[in-house]
């Protein structure tokens, strides 16, 4: 999501003659922390993160606006919609409390490109193929994993309403020696989006080919 907090800029020495969007952005960032803690059930996982904040050009100038980029995560459409609604309302609330005129109201938009549906793992399909993976890769190489908040467009393959049964299979890619070292030291191995992430190509690709081939052969049985 993109949020533009608009104000009325001016000289830093005369804040009373302005409507400071930097201060309003700070208020907004603190306010939206209560969405997860006070508006969403503790039984429903949810995330609201402000990833970037940009505003101003010089230390003694109060700018006209501050731009924020956010990411939200949830395990259901209803929780996601609740978060989005609250982000809209709380932005309007900050502007109202600071006396902004309607033509300077915040602009809150949901990205049309950086958005994915909840990834749903079909239980029956996963249960059917797990022993297939065990047979192909070995019992110690196949584990059930916990749900995570990572964003993944794989969920689109299932189509609306989970019309196509699907489940998300992850293939380990880290050097086993580095994993052992991590267990001993407690220092996590670099993961995705890290400049230090260094997968081991050959065994990773081999495992993926074996797993996917075994799955196709099983699913294509008459």
N, C-alpha and C. Protein backbone atom coordinates (compact mmCIF):
# COMPACT_ATOMS: atom_id res chain seq x y z
N UNK A 1 0.84 -1.19 0.00
CA UNK A 1 0.00 0.00 0.00
C UNK A 1 0.87 1.24 0.00
N UNK A 2 0.36 2.30 -0.60
CA UNK A 2 1.04 3.59 -0.62
C UNK A 2 0.17 4.60 0.12
N UNK A 3 0.79 5.34 1.03
CA UNK A 3 0.08 6.35 1.79
C UNK A 3 0.82 7.67 1.65
N UNK A 4 0.14 8.70 1.19
CA UNK A 4 0.71 10.04 1.12
C UNK A 4 0.02 10.91 2.16
N UNK A 5 0.79 11.29 3.18
CA UNK A 5 0.28 12.20 4.21
C UNK A 5 0.55 13.62 3.72
N UNK A 6 -0.51 14.37 3.43
CA UNK A 6 -0.36 15.72 2.91
C UNK A 6 -0.55 16.75 4.02
N UNK A 7 0.23 17.80 3.96
CA UNK A 7 0.14 18.86 4.95
C UNK A 7 0.19 20.22 4.28
N UNK A 8 0.61 21.19 5.04
CA UNK A 8 0.83 22.54 4.51
C UNK A 8 2.24 22.95 4.93
N UNK A 9 3.14 23.02 3.97
CA UNK A 9 4.54 23.26 4.28
C UNK A 9 4.83 24.70 4.64
N UNK A 10 6.07 24.92 5.05
CA UNK A 10 6.49 26.26 5.41
C UNK A 10 7.86 26.25 6.05
N UNK A 11 8.20 27.34 6.71
CA UNK A 11 9.52 27.47 7.33
C UNK A 11 9.55 26.72 8.66
N UNK A 12 10.67 26.05 8.91
CA UNK A 12 10.81 25.30 10.15
C UNK A 12 10.79 26.16 11.39
N UNK A 13 11.06 27.45 11.23
CA UNK A 13 11.04 28.37 12.37
C UNK A 13 9.63 28.83 12.71
N UNK A 14 8.66 28.55 11.83
CA UNK A 14 7.28 28.96 12.07
C UNK A 14 6.33 27.77 11.91
N UNK A 15 6.47 26.77 12.77
CA UNK A 15 5.62 25.58 12.64
C UNK A 15 4.14 25.87 12.84
N UNK A 16 3.83 26.94 13.58
CA UNK A 16 2.42 27.26 13.84
C UNK A 16 1.69 27.69 12.57
N UNK A 17 2.45 28.09 11.56
CA UNK A 17 1.84 28.53 10.30
C UNK A 17 1.73 27.38 9.30
N UNK A 18 2.04 26.16 9.73
CA UNK A 18 2.04 25.00 8.84
C UNK A 18 1.14 23.90 9.40
N UNK A 19 0.99 22.86 8.60
CA UNK A 19 0.42 21.59 9.03
C UNK A 19 1.47 20.54 8.69
N UNK A 20 2.23 20.15 9.70
CA UNK A 20 3.46 19.39 9.47
C UNK A 20 3.17 17.92 9.13
N UNK A 21 3.41 17.49 7.87
CA UNK A 21 3.15 16.11 7.49
C UNK A 21 4.14 15.12 8.08
N UNK A 22 5.32 15.61 8.48
CA UNK A 22 6.29 14.73 9.12
C UNK A 22 5.76 14.26 10.47
N UNK A 23 5.25 15.21 11.25
CA UNK A 23 4.67 14.87 12.54
C UNK A 23 3.43 13.99 12.36
N UNK A 24 2.61 14.31 11.37
CA UNK A 24 1.42 13.51 11.12
C UNK A 24 1.78 12.09 10.68
N UNK A 25 2.84 11.97 9.87
CA UNK A 25 3.29 10.65 9.46
C UNK A 25 3.75 9.84 10.66
N UNK A 26 4.44 10.52 11.59
CA UNK A 26 4.89 9.83 12.81
C UNK A 26 3.69 9.37 13.63
N UNK A 27 2.68 10.22 13.75
CA UNK A 27 1.46 9.85 14.46
C UNK A 27 0.81 8.63 13.80
N UNK A 28 0.73 8.69 12.49
CA UNK A 28 0.08 7.61 11.73
C UNK A 28 0.81 6.29 11.91
N UNK A 29 2.13 6.33 11.83
CA UNK A 29 2.91 5.09 11.97
C UNK A 29 2.67 4.46 13.34
N UNK A 30 2.61 5.29 14.37
CA UNK A 30 2.35 4.76 15.71
C UNK A 30 0.90 4.28 15.84
N UNK A 31 -0.03 5.02 15.27
CA UNK A 31 -1.44 4.63 15.36
C UNK A 31 -1.71 3.27 14.73
N UNK A 32 -1.14 3.03 13.56
CA UNK A 32 -1.47 1.79 12.85
C UNK A 32 -0.87 0.55 13.50
N UNK A 33 0.03 0.74 14.48
CA UNK A 33 0.53 -0.42 15.21
C UNK A 33 -0.58 -1.07 16.03
N UNK A 34 -1.63 -0.30 16.31
CA UNK A 34 -2.73 -0.85 17.10
C UNK A 34 -3.71 -1.67 16.26
N UNK A 35 -3.56 -1.65 14.94
CA UNK A 35 -4.47 -2.45 14.11
C UNK A 35 -4.35 -3.92 14.46
N UNK A 36 -3.11 -4.42 14.47
CA UNK A 36 -2.90 -5.84 14.78
C UNK A 36 -3.15 -6.13 16.25
N UNK A 37 -2.68 -5.23 17.12
CA UNK A 37 -2.76 -5.52 18.56
C UNK A 37 -4.14 -5.29 19.16
N UNK A 38 -4.98 -4.43 18.52
CA UNK A 38 -6.25 -4.10 19.14
C UNK A 38 -7.48 -4.25 18.23
N UNK A 39 -7.29 -4.46 16.96
CA UNK A 39 -8.45 -4.59 16.07
C UNK A 39 -8.59 -5.97 15.45
N UNK A 40 -7.52 -6.76 15.48
CA UNK A 40 -7.54 -8.10 14.92
C UNK A 40 -7.49 -9.12 16.06
N UNK A 41 -8.27 -10.18 15.93
CA UNK A 41 -8.28 -11.21 16.97
C UNK A 41 -6.88 -11.80 17.16
N UNK A 42 -6.47 -12.06 18.41
CA UNK A 42 -5.17 -12.69 18.65
C UNK A 42 -5.03 -14.05 17.97
N UNK A 43 -6.16 -14.66 17.59
CA UNK A 43 -6.12 -15.95 16.91
C UNK A 43 -5.88 -15.82 15.41
N UNK A 44 -5.86 -14.60 14.91
CA UNK A 44 -5.70 -14.35 13.47
C UNK A 44 -4.34 -13.69 13.22
N UNK A 45 -3.41 -14.39 12.58
CA UNK A 45 -2.11 -13.77 12.27
C UNK A 45 -2.27 -12.59 11.32
N UNK A 46 -1.53 -11.53 11.58
CA UNK A 46 -1.60 -10.35 10.72
C UNK A 46 -0.33 -9.53 10.89
N UNK A 47 0.03 -8.79 9.84
CA UNK A 47 1.21 -7.94 9.86
C UNK A 47 0.90 -6.62 9.17
N UNK A 48 1.36 -5.53 9.77
CA UNK A 48 1.33 -4.21 9.13
C UNK A 48 2.73 -3.62 9.29
N UNK A 49 3.42 -3.41 8.19
CA UNK A 49 4.80 -2.92 8.22
C UNK A 49 4.96 -1.69 7.34
N UNK A 50 5.60 -0.67 7.87
CA UNK A 50 5.99 0.50 7.07
C UNK A 50 7.42 0.26 6.60
N UNK A 51 7.56 0.07 5.29
CA UNK A 51 8.88 -0.26 4.75
C UNK A 51 9.72 0.95 4.38
N UNK A 52 9.06 2.02 3.90
CA UNK A 52 9.81 3.22 3.54
C UNK A 52 9.04 4.45 3.98
N UNK A 53 9.78 5.52 4.24
CA UNK A 53 9.19 6.82 4.55
C UNK A 53 10.08 7.89 3.93
N UNK A 54 9.46 8.76 3.13
CA UNK A 54 10.21 9.79 2.43
C UNK A 54 9.48 11.13 2.55
N UNK A 55 10.22 12.15 2.98
CA UNK A 55 9.61 13.47 3.07
C UNK A 55 10.64 14.53 3.37
N UNK A 56 10.46 15.68 2.77
CA UNK A 56 11.34 16.80 3.06
C UNK A 56 12.57 16.85 2.19
N UNK A 57 13.16 18.08 2.14
CA UNK A 57 14.37 18.29 1.34
C UNK A 57 15.48 18.97 2.13
N UNK A 58 15.12 19.64 3.24
CA UNK A 58 16.12 20.37 4.00
C UNK A 58 15.66 20.48 5.46
N UNK A 59 16.61 20.58 6.36
CA UNK A 59 16.29 20.50 7.78
C UNK A 59 15.42 21.63 8.30
N UNK A 60 15.44 22.79 7.65
CA UNK A 60 14.67 23.93 8.15
C UNK A 60 13.41 24.22 7.32
N UNK A 61 12.99 23.21 6.54
CA UNK A 61 11.79 23.38 5.72
C UNK A 61 10.78 22.30 6.10
N UNK A 62 9.59 22.70 6.46
CA UNK A 62 8.51 21.74 6.69
C UNK A 62 7.89 21.43 5.33
N UNK A 63 7.90 20.16 4.93
CA UNK A 63 7.46 19.83 3.57
C UNK A 63 5.94 19.82 3.43
N UNK A 64 5.49 19.69 2.20
CA UNK A 64 4.06 19.64 1.92
C UNK A 64 3.49 18.23 2.09
N UNK A 65 4.33 17.20 1.96
CA UNK A 65 3.82 15.84 2.07
C UNK A 65 4.91 14.87 2.45
N UNK A 66 4.49 13.72 2.95
CA UNK A 66 5.38 12.61 3.29
C UNK A 66 4.78 11.35 2.68
N UNK A 67 5.61 10.57 2.02
CA UNK A 67 5.13 9.35 1.35
C UNK A 67 5.61 8.11 2.10
N UNK A 68 4.69 7.19 2.32
CA UNK A 68 4.98 5.94 3.01
C UNK A 68 4.66 4.77 2.09
N UNK A 69 5.45 3.72 2.21
CA UNK A 69 5.14 2.46 1.52
C UNK A 69 4.98 1.38 2.58
N UNK A 70 3.86 0.68 2.51
CA UNK A 70 3.53 -0.32 3.53
C UNK A 70 3.34 -1.69 2.89
N UNK A 71 3.49 -2.72 3.73
CA UNK A 71 3.09 -4.06 3.33
C UNK A 71 2.20 -4.63 4.43
N UNK A 72 1.15 -5.32 4.03
CA UNK A 72 0.27 -5.97 4.98
C UNK A 72 0.21 -7.46 4.66
N UNK A 73 0.07 -8.28 5.70
CA UNK A 73 0.02 -9.73 5.51
C UNK A 73 -1.10 -10.29 6.38
N UNK A 74 -1.79 -11.31 5.86
CA UNK A 74 -2.85 -11.97 6.62
C UNK A 74 -3.08 -13.35 6.03
N UNK A 75 -3.75 -14.20 6.80
CA UNK A 75 -4.06 -15.55 6.34
C UNK A 75 -5.49 -15.67 5.81
N UNK A 76 -6.23 -14.58 5.79
CA UNK A 76 -7.59 -14.64 5.26
C UNK A 76 -7.93 -13.31 4.60
N UNK A 77 -8.84 -13.36 3.64
CA UNK A 77 -9.26 -12.15 2.94
C UNK A 77 -9.97 -11.19 3.88
N UNK A 78 -10.74 -11.73 4.83
CA UNK A 78 -11.50 -10.86 5.74
C UNK A 78 -10.57 -10.04 6.62
N UNK A 79 -9.49 -10.65 7.11
CA UNK A 79 -8.53 -9.92 7.94
C UNK A 79 -7.79 -8.89 7.09
N UNK A 80 -7.42 -9.27 5.88
CA UNK A 80 -6.75 -8.33 4.99
C UNK A 80 -7.63 -7.11 4.73
N UNK A 81 -8.91 -7.36 4.45
CA UNK A 81 -9.84 -6.25 4.17
C UNK A 81 -10.00 -5.35 5.40
N UNK A 82 -10.01 -5.95 6.59
CA UNK A 82 -10.11 -5.17 7.82
C UNK A 82 -8.89 -4.27 7.99
N UNK A 83 -7.71 -4.80 7.70
CA UNK A 83 -6.48 -4.00 7.81
C UNK A 83 -6.53 -2.83 6.84
N UNK A 84 -6.91 -3.09 5.60
CA UNK A 84 -6.95 -2.04 4.59
C UNK A 84 -7.94 -0.95 4.99
N UNK A 85 -9.11 -1.36 5.48
CA UNK A 85 -10.12 -0.39 5.90
C UNK A 85 -9.59 0.48 7.05
N UNK A 86 -8.90 -0.15 8.00
CA UNK A 86 -8.37 0.60 9.14
C UNK A 86 -7.27 1.55 8.72
N UNK A 87 -6.44 1.15 7.77
CA UNK A 87 -5.38 2.03 7.28
C UNK A 87 -5.98 3.29 6.64
N UNK A 88 -7.07 3.13 5.92
CA UNK A 88 -7.76 4.28 5.34
C UNK A 88 -8.31 5.19 6.44
N UNK A 89 -9.06 4.60 7.36
CA UNK A 89 -9.73 5.39 8.38
C UNK A 89 -8.74 6.11 9.30
N UNK A 90 -7.65 5.44 9.66
CA UNK A 90 -6.70 6.04 10.58
C UNK A 90 -5.93 7.18 9.92
N UNK A 91 -5.71 7.09 8.63
CA UNK A 91 -5.07 8.20 7.90
C UNK A 91 -5.99 9.41 7.91
N UNK A 92 -7.28 9.17 7.66
CA UNK A 92 -8.23 10.28 7.68
C UNK A 92 -8.34 10.87 9.09
N UNK A 93 -8.25 10.01 10.10
CA UNK A 93 -8.35 10.47 11.48
C UNK A 93 -7.20 11.39 11.87
N UNK A 94 -5.99 11.05 11.44
CA UNK A 94 -4.83 11.89 11.73
C UNK A 94 -4.99 13.25 11.07
N UNK A 95 -5.45 13.26 9.82
CA UNK A 95 -5.63 14.52 9.11
C UNK A 95 -6.70 15.38 9.78
N UNK A 96 -7.79 14.76 10.17
CA UNK A 96 -8.88 15.49 10.82
C UNK A 96 -8.41 16.09 12.14
N UNK A 97 -7.68 15.29 12.93
CA UNK A 97 -7.22 15.77 14.23
C UNK A 97 -6.25 16.94 14.10
N UNK A 98 -5.57 17.03 12.96
CA UNK A 98 -4.61 18.11 12.75
C UNK A 98 -5.19 19.28 11.96
N UNK A 99 -6.48 19.23 11.70
CA UNK A 99 -7.14 20.36 11.06
C UNK A 99 -6.87 20.52 9.59
N UNK A 100 -6.61 19.42 8.89
CA UNK A 100 -6.36 19.52 7.45
C UNK A 100 -7.68 19.75 6.70
N UNK A 101 -7.70 20.63 5.72
CA UNK A 101 -8.90 20.80 4.89
C UNK A 101 -9.10 19.57 4.01
N UNK A 102 -10.32 19.34 3.52
CA UNK A 102 -10.61 18.16 2.69
C UNK A 102 -9.69 18.01 1.48
N UNK A 103 -9.28 19.14 0.89
CA UNK A 103 -8.45 19.04 -0.30
C UNK A 103 -7.01 18.64 0.02
N UNK A 104 -6.67 18.52 1.30
CA UNK A 104 -5.34 18.05 1.71
C UNK A 104 -5.43 16.73 2.47
N UNK A 105 -6.53 16.03 2.28
CA UNK A 105 -6.70 14.73 2.95
C UNK A 105 -5.65 13.74 2.45
N UNK A 106 -5.29 12.75 3.27
CA UNK A 106 -4.31 11.74 2.86
C UNK A 106 -4.79 10.95 1.64
N UNK A 107 -3.85 10.43 0.89
CA UNK A 107 -4.15 9.57 -0.25
C UNK A 107 -3.66 8.16 0.09
N UNK A 108 -4.57 7.22 0.16
CA UNK A 108 -4.24 5.83 0.52
C UNK A 108 -4.64 4.94 -0.64
N UNK A 109 -3.68 4.22 -1.21
CA UNK A 109 -3.97 3.36 -2.37
C UNK A 109 -3.40 1.97 -2.15
N UNK A 110 -4.13 0.99 -2.66
CA UNK A 110 -3.68 -0.40 -2.63
C UNK A 110 -3.07 -0.73 -3.99
N UNK A 111 -1.86 -1.26 -3.98
CA UNK A 111 -1.19 -1.59 -5.24
C UNK A 111 -2.00 -2.60 -6.03
N UNK A 112 -2.06 -2.41 -7.34
CA UNK A 112 -2.73 -3.36 -8.22
C UNK A 112 -1.77 -4.41 -8.78
N UNK A 113 -0.48 -4.20 -8.57
CA UNK A 113 0.52 -5.14 -9.10
C UNK A 113 1.25 -5.90 -8.00
N UNK A 114 1.54 -5.23 -6.89
CA UNK A 114 2.25 -5.90 -5.80
C UNK A 114 1.25 -6.42 -4.78
N UNK A 115 0.45 -7.40 -5.21
CA UNK A 115 -0.57 -7.98 -4.33
C UNK A 115 -0.76 -9.44 -4.72
N UNK A 116 -0.93 -10.28 -3.73
CA UNK A 116 -1.15 -11.71 -3.99
C UNK A 116 -2.24 -12.22 -3.05
N UNK A 117 -2.99 -13.23 -3.49
CA UNK A 117 -3.99 -13.83 -2.61
C UNK A 117 -3.31 -14.73 -1.57
N UNK A 118 -4.07 -15.13 -0.60
CA UNK A 118 -3.56 -16.07 0.40
C UNK A 118 -3.26 -17.40 -0.27
N UNK A 119 -2.09 -17.95 -0.02
CA UNK A 119 -1.74 -19.26 -0.57
C UNK A 119 -2.38 -20.35 0.28
N UNK A 120 -3.24 -21.14 -0.34
CA UNK A 120 -3.96 -22.21 0.37
C UNK A 120 -3.40 -23.56 -0.03
N UNK A 121 -2.93 -24.32 0.95
CA UNK A 121 -2.39 -25.65 0.71
C UNK A 121 -3.49 -26.69 0.88
N UNK A 122 -3.82 -27.37 -0.21
CA UNK A 122 -4.89 -28.37 -0.16
C UNK A 122 -4.47 -29.55 0.71
N UNK A 123 -5.15 -29.81 1.80
CA UNK A 123 -4.72 -30.86 2.73
C UNK A 123 -4.68 -32.25 2.10
N UNK A 124 -5.69 -32.59 1.30
CA UNK A 124 -5.75 -33.92 0.71
C UNK A 124 -4.60 -34.14 -0.27
N UNK A 125 -4.30 -33.12 -1.08
CA UNK A 125 -3.20 -33.25 -2.04
C UNK A 125 -1.86 -33.36 -1.33
N UNK A 126 -1.68 -32.55 -0.29
CA UNK A 126 -0.43 -32.61 0.47
C UNK A 126 -0.25 -33.97 1.13
N UNK A 127 -1.33 -34.50 1.70
CA UNK A 127 -1.26 -35.81 2.36
C UNK A 127 -0.96 -36.92 1.36
N UNK A 128 -1.49 -36.79 0.16
CA UNK A 128 -1.24 -37.81 -0.86
C UNK A 128 0.21 -37.81 -1.32
N UNK A 129 0.78 -36.61 -1.51
CA UNK A 129 2.10 -36.53 -2.11
C UNK A 129 3.26 -36.59 -1.11
N UNK A 130 2.99 -36.38 0.16
CA UNK A 130 4.09 -36.43 1.12
C UNK A 130 4.83 -37.77 1.09
N UNK A 131 4.11 -38.93 1.14
CA UNK A 131 4.84 -40.20 1.05
C UNK A 131 5.57 -40.40 -0.27
N UNK A 132 5.07 -39.75 -1.33
CA UNK A 132 5.75 -39.81 -2.63
C UNK A 132 7.10 -39.11 -2.53
N UNK A 133 7.13 -37.96 -1.87
CA UNK A 133 8.39 -37.24 -1.69
C UNK A 133 9.33 -38.01 -0.78
N UNK A 134 8.80 -38.63 0.25
CA UNK A 134 9.62 -39.43 1.16
C UNK A 134 10.29 -40.57 0.40
N UNK A 135 9.53 -41.22 -0.48
CA UNK A 135 10.09 -42.32 -1.27
C UNK A 135 11.17 -41.83 -2.22
N UNK A 136 11.00 -40.62 -2.76
CA UNK A 136 11.95 -40.09 -3.74
C UNK A 136 13.19 -39.49 -3.09
N UNK A 137 13.04 -38.86 -1.91
CA UNK A 137 14.13 -38.09 -1.32
C UNK A 137 14.64 -38.66 0.00
N UNK A 138 13.85 -39.51 0.64
CA UNK A 138 14.25 -40.05 1.94
C UNK A 138 13.47 -39.39 3.06
N UNK A 139 13.20 -40.16 4.12
CA UNK A 139 12.35 -39.68 5.21
C UNK A 139 12.93 -38.46 5.92
N UNK A 140 14.25 -38.40 6.04
CA UNK A 140 14.86 -37.29 6.77
C UNK A 140 14.90 -36.00 5.94
N UNK A 141 14.57 -36.10 4.67
CA UNK A 141 14.63 -34.94 3.78
C UNK A 141 13.29 -34.28 3.55
N UNK A 142 12.23 -34.82 4.15
CA UNK A 142 10.89 -34.27 3.95
C UNK A 142 10.31 -33.89 5.31
N UNK A 143 9.98 -32.62 5.47
CA UNK A 143 9.43 -32.15 6.74
C UNK A 143 8.21 -31.27 6.49
N UNK A 144 7.28 -31.30 7.45
CA UNK A 144 6.16 -30.36 7.42
C UNK A 144 6.67 -29.03 7.96
N UNK A 145 6.22 -27.93 7.35
CA UNK A 145 6.71 -26.62 7.78
C UNK A 145 5.55 -25.78 8.28
N UNK A 146 5.88 -24.83 9.12
CA UNK A 146 4.87 -23.96 9.70
C UNK A 146 4.41 -22.91 8.68
N UNK A 147 3.23 -22.38 8.93
CA UNK A 147 2.72 -21.30 8.08
C UNK A 147 3.58 -20.06 8.29
N UNK A 148 3.74 -19.27 7.24
CA UNK A 148 4.57 -18.07 7.31
C UNK A 148 3.86 -16.90 6.62
N UNK A 149 4.36 -15.70 6.88
CA UNK A 149 3.77 -14.49 6.34
C UNK A 149 4.40 -14.05 5.01
N UNK A 150 5.29 -14.86 4.47
CA UNK A 150 5.91 -14.49 3.20
C UNK A 150 4.87 -14.32 2.10
N UNK A 151 5.10 -13.35 1.23
CA UNK A 151 4.18 -13.11 0.12
C UNK A 151 4.59 -13.97 -1.07
N UNK A 152 3.61 -14.63 -1.70
CA UNK A 152 3.94 -15.58 -2.76
C UNK A 152 2.80 -15.65 -3.77
N UNK A 153 3.11 -15.42 -5.05
CA UNK A 153 2.05 -15.44 -6.05
C UNK A 153 1.66 -16.85 -6.48
N UNK A 154 2.27 -17.88 -5.87
CA UNK A 154 1.90 -19.25 -6.18
C UNK A 154 0.41 -19.48 -5.97
N UNK A 155 -0.18 -18.78 -4.98
CA UNK A 155 -1.59 -18.96 -4.69
C UNK A 155 -2.50 -18.69 -5.88
N UNK A 156 -2.02 -17.94 -6.87
CA UNK A 156 -2.84 -17.65 -8.05
C UNK A 156 -3.15 -18.91 -8.86
N UNK A 157 -2.28 -19.91 -8.78
CA UNK A 157 -2.51 -21.14 -9.55
C UNK A 157 -3.78 -21.86 -9.12
N UNK A 158 -4.19 -21.69 -7.85
CA UNK A 158 -5.38 -22.37 -7.37
C UNK A 158 -6.68 -21.77 -7.86
N UNK A 159 -6.61 -20.56 -8.42
CA UNK A 159 -7.79 -19.82 -8.91
C UNK A 159 -8.72 -19.48 -7.74
N UNK A 160 -9.65 -18.55 -7.96
CA UNK A 160 -10.55 -18.13 -6.87
C UNK A 160 -11.33 -19.31 -6.29
N UNK A 161 -11.45 -19.31 -4.97
CA UNK A 161 -12.18 -20.39 -4.31
C UNK A 161 -11.42 -21.70 -4.27
N UNK A 162 -10.12 -21.67 -4.56
CA UNK A 162 -9.29 -22.88 -4.55
C UNK A 162 -9.84 -23.94 -5.52
N UNK A 163 -10.22 -23.48 -6.72
CA UNK A 163 -10.81 -24.39 -7.70
C UNK A 163 -9.84 -25.51 -8.09
N UNK A 164 -8.55 -25.18 -8.13
CA UNK A 164 -7.54 -26.18 -8.49
C UNK A 164 -6.77 -26.56 -7.22
N UNK A 165 -6.80 -27.83 -6.83
CA UNK A 165 -6.03 -28.25 -5.63
C UNK A 165 -4.54 -28.00 -5.85
N UNK A 166 -3.90 -27.37 -4.87
CA UNK A 166 -2.47 -27.07 -4.98
C UNK A 166 -1.89 -26.98 -3.58
N UNK A 167 -0.59 -27.15 -3.48
CA UNK A 167 0.08 -26.85 -2.22
C UNK A 167 1.51 -26.43 -2.52
N UNK A 168 2.04 -25.64 -1.64
CA UNK A 168 3.34 -25.01 -1.85
C UNK A 168 4.45 -25.91 -1.32
N UNK A 169 5.35 -26.30 -2.21
CA UNK A 169 6.49 -27.15 -1.86
C UNK A 169 7.76 -26.32 -1.87
N UNK A 170 8.48 -26.35 -0.77
CA UNK A 170 9.74 -25.60 -0.69
C UNK A 170 10.91 -26.57 -0.76
N UNK A 171 11.94 -26.16 -1.48
CA UNK A 171 13.14 -26.98 -1.65
C UNK A 171 14.30 -26.30 -0.93
N UNK A 172 14.92 -27.00 0.00
CA UNK A 172 16.07 -26.45 0.70
C UNK A 172 17.22 -26.19 -0.26
N UNK A 173 17.96 -25.09 -0.03
CA UNK A 173 19.01 -24.71 -0.98
C UNK A 173 20.33 -24.37 -0.30
N UNK A 174 20.39 -24.42 1.03
CA UNK A 174 21.58 -23.99 1.76
C UNK A 174 22.56 -25.14 1.97
N UNK A 175 23.82 -24.84 1.93
CA UNK A 175 24.89 -25.81 2.19
C UNK A 175 24.66 -26.46 3.55
N UNK A 176 24.56 -27.80 3.62
CA UNK A 176 24.34 -28.48 4.90
C UNK A 176 25.38 -28.11 5.97
N UNK A 177 26.62 -27.90 5.55
CA UNK A 177 27.66 -27.54 6.52
C UNK A 177 27.35 -26.20 7.18
N UNK A 178 26.80 -25.26 6.39
CA UNK A 178 26.44 -23.95 6.94
C UNK A 178 25.24 -24.07 7.88
N UNK A 179 24.33 -25.00 7.56
CA UNK A 179 23.20 -25.22 8.44
C UNK A 179 23.66 -25.77 9.79
N UNK A 180 24.60 -26.73 9.75
CA UNK A 180 25.14 -27.29 10.99
C UNK A 180 25.84 -26.21 11.81
N UNK A 181 26.59 -25.35 11.13
CA UNK A 181 27.27 -24.25 11.82
C UNK A 181 26.26 -23.30 12.46
N UNK A 182 25.17 -23.06 11.76
CA UNK A 182 24.14 -22.18 12.28
C UNK A 182 23.50 -22.75 13.54
N UNK A 183 23.28 -24.06 13.54
CA UNK A 183 22.69 -24.71 14.72
C UNK A 183 23.62 -24.62 15.92
N UNK A 184 24.91 -24.68 15.66
CA UNK A 184 25.88 -24.64 16.75
C UNK A 184 26.07 -23.23 17.30
N UNK A 185 26.04 -22.25 16.41
CA UNK A 185 26.32 -20.87 16.84
C UNK A 185 25.06 -20.07 17.17
N UNK A 186 23.92 -20.53 16.65
CA UNK A 186 22.69 -19.78 16.85
C UNK A 186 22.53 -18.61 15.89
N UNK A 187 23.50 -18.43 14.99
CA UNK A 187 23.43 -17.34 14.01
C UNK A 187 22.69 -17.84 12.77
N UNK A 188 21.58 -17.23 12.40
CA UNK A 188 20.81 -17.72 11.25
C UNK A 188 21.61 -17.64 9.97
N UNK A 189 21.37 -18.59 9.08
CA UNK A 189 22.00 -18.54 7.76
C UNK A 189 21.30 -17.45 6.93
N UNK A 190 22.02 -16.79 6.03
CA UNK A 190 21.38 -15.77 5.18
C UNK A 190 20.26 -16.37 4.35
N UNK A 191 19.13 -15.69 4.31
CA UNK A 191 17.98 -16.18 3.57
C UNK A 191 17.69 -15.35 2.34
N UNK A 192 16.50 -15.55 1.79
CA UNK A 192 16.09 -14.80 0.61
C UNK A 192 16.15 -13.31 0.87
N UNK A 193 16.48 -12.54 -0.15
CA UNK A 193 16.60 -11.08 -0.11
C UNK A 193 17.86 -10.61 0.60
N UNK A 194 18.69 -11.55 1.05
CA UNK A 194 19.96 -11.16 1.65
C UNK A 194 21.04 -11.20 0.58
N UNK A 195 21.95 -10.23 0.63
CA UNK A 195 23.07 -10.22 -0.33
C UNK A 195 24.01 -11.39 -0.10
N UNK A 196 23.92 -12.02 1.07
CA UNK A 196 24.80 -13.14 1.41
C UNK A 196 24.16 -14.51 1.16
N UNK A 197 22.92 -14.50 0.66
CA UNK A 197 22.25 -15.76 0.37
C UNK A 197 23.02 -16.50 -0.73
N UNK A 198 23.43 -17.73 -0.46
CA UNK A 198 24.26 -18.47 -1.41
C UNK A 198 23.79 -19.91 -1.51
N UNK A 199 22.76 -20.17 -2.31
CA UNK A 199 22.28 -21.55 -2.47
C UNK A 199 23.30 -22.42 -3.18
N UNK A 200 23.22 -23.71 -2.92
CA UNK A 200 24.08 -24.68 -3.59
C UNK A 200 23.29 -25.22 -4.79
N UNK A 201 23.67 -24.86 -6.01
CA UNK A 201 22.80 -25.12 -7.17
C UNK A 201 22.51 -26.59 -7.46
N UNK A 202 23.55 -27.40 -7.63
CA UNK A 202 23.35 -28.76 -8.15
C UNK A 202 22.42 -29.62 -7.29
N UNK A 203 22.70 -29.79 -5.99
CA UNK A 203 21.79 -30.62 -5.19
C UNK A 203 20.40 -30.02 -5.04
N UNK A 204 20.30 -28.69 -5.08
CA UNK A 204 19.00 -28.05 -4.97
C UNK A 204 18.15 -28.37 -6.20
N UNK A 205 18.73 -28.20 -7.37
CA UNK A 205 18.00 -28.48 -8.61
C UNK A 205 17.66 -29.97 -8.70
N UNK A 206 18.59 -30.82 -8.30
CA UNK A 206 18.35 -32.27 -8.35
C UNK A 206 17.16 -32.64 -7.45
N UNK A 207 17.14 -32.09 -6.26
CA UNK A 207 16.03 -32.40 -5.34
C UNK A 207 14.70 -31.93 -5.92
N UNK A 208 14.71 -30.75 -6.51
CA UNK A 208 13.48 -30.23 -7.09
C UNK A 208 12.99 -31.08 -8.25
N UNK A 209 13.89 -31.50 -9.12
CA UNK A 209 13.51 -32.34 -10.26
C UNK A 209 12.98 -33.68 -9.79
N UNK A 210 13.64 -34.29 -8.82
CA UNK A 210 13.18 -35.59 -8.30
C UNK A 210 11.79 -35.46 -7.67
N UNK A 211 11.61 -34.44 -6.86
CA UNK A 211 10.33 -34.27 -6.16
C UNK A 211 9.19 -34.01 -7.15
N UNK A 212 9.40 -33.08 -8.07
CA UNK A 212 8.34 -32.74 -9.01
C UNK A 212 8.04 -33.88 -9.98
N UNK A 213 9.07 -34.58 -10.40
CA UNK A 213 8.87 -35.72 -11.31
C UNK A 213 8.09 -36.83 -10.60
N UNK A 214 8.44 -37.12 -9.36
CA UNK A 214 7.73 -38.15 -8.60
C UNK A 214 6.27 -37.75 -8.40
N UNK A 215 6.02 -36.46 -8.16
CA UNK A 215 4.65 -36.01 -7.97
C UNK A 215 3.82 -36.18 -9.25
N UNK A 216 4.40 -35.78 -10.38
CA UNK A 216 3.68 -35.89 -11.65
C UNK A 216 3.37 -37.36 -11.96
N UNK A 217 4.35 -38.23 -11.76
CA UNK A 217 4.14 -39.65 -12.06
C UNK A 217 3.02 -40.21 -11.20
N UNK A 218 2.97 -39.82 -9.94
CA UNK A 218 1.91 -40.33 -9.05
C UNK A 218 0.56 -39.77 -9.45
N UNK A 219 0.51 -38.46 -9.73
CA UNK A 219 -0.78 -37.84 -10.05
C UNK A 219 -1.33 -38.27 -11.41
N UNK A 220 -0.46 -38.72 -12.32
CA UNK A 220 -0.90 -39.11 -13.65
C UNK A 220 -1.26 -40.58 -13.74
N UNK A 221 -1.21 -41.29 -12.61
CA UNK A 221 -1.62 -42.71 -12.63
C UNK A 221 -3.10 -42.83 -13.01
N UNK A 222 -3.40 -43.85 -13.77
CA UNK A 222 -4.82 -44.09 -14.12
C UNK A 222 -5.53 -44.72 -12.95
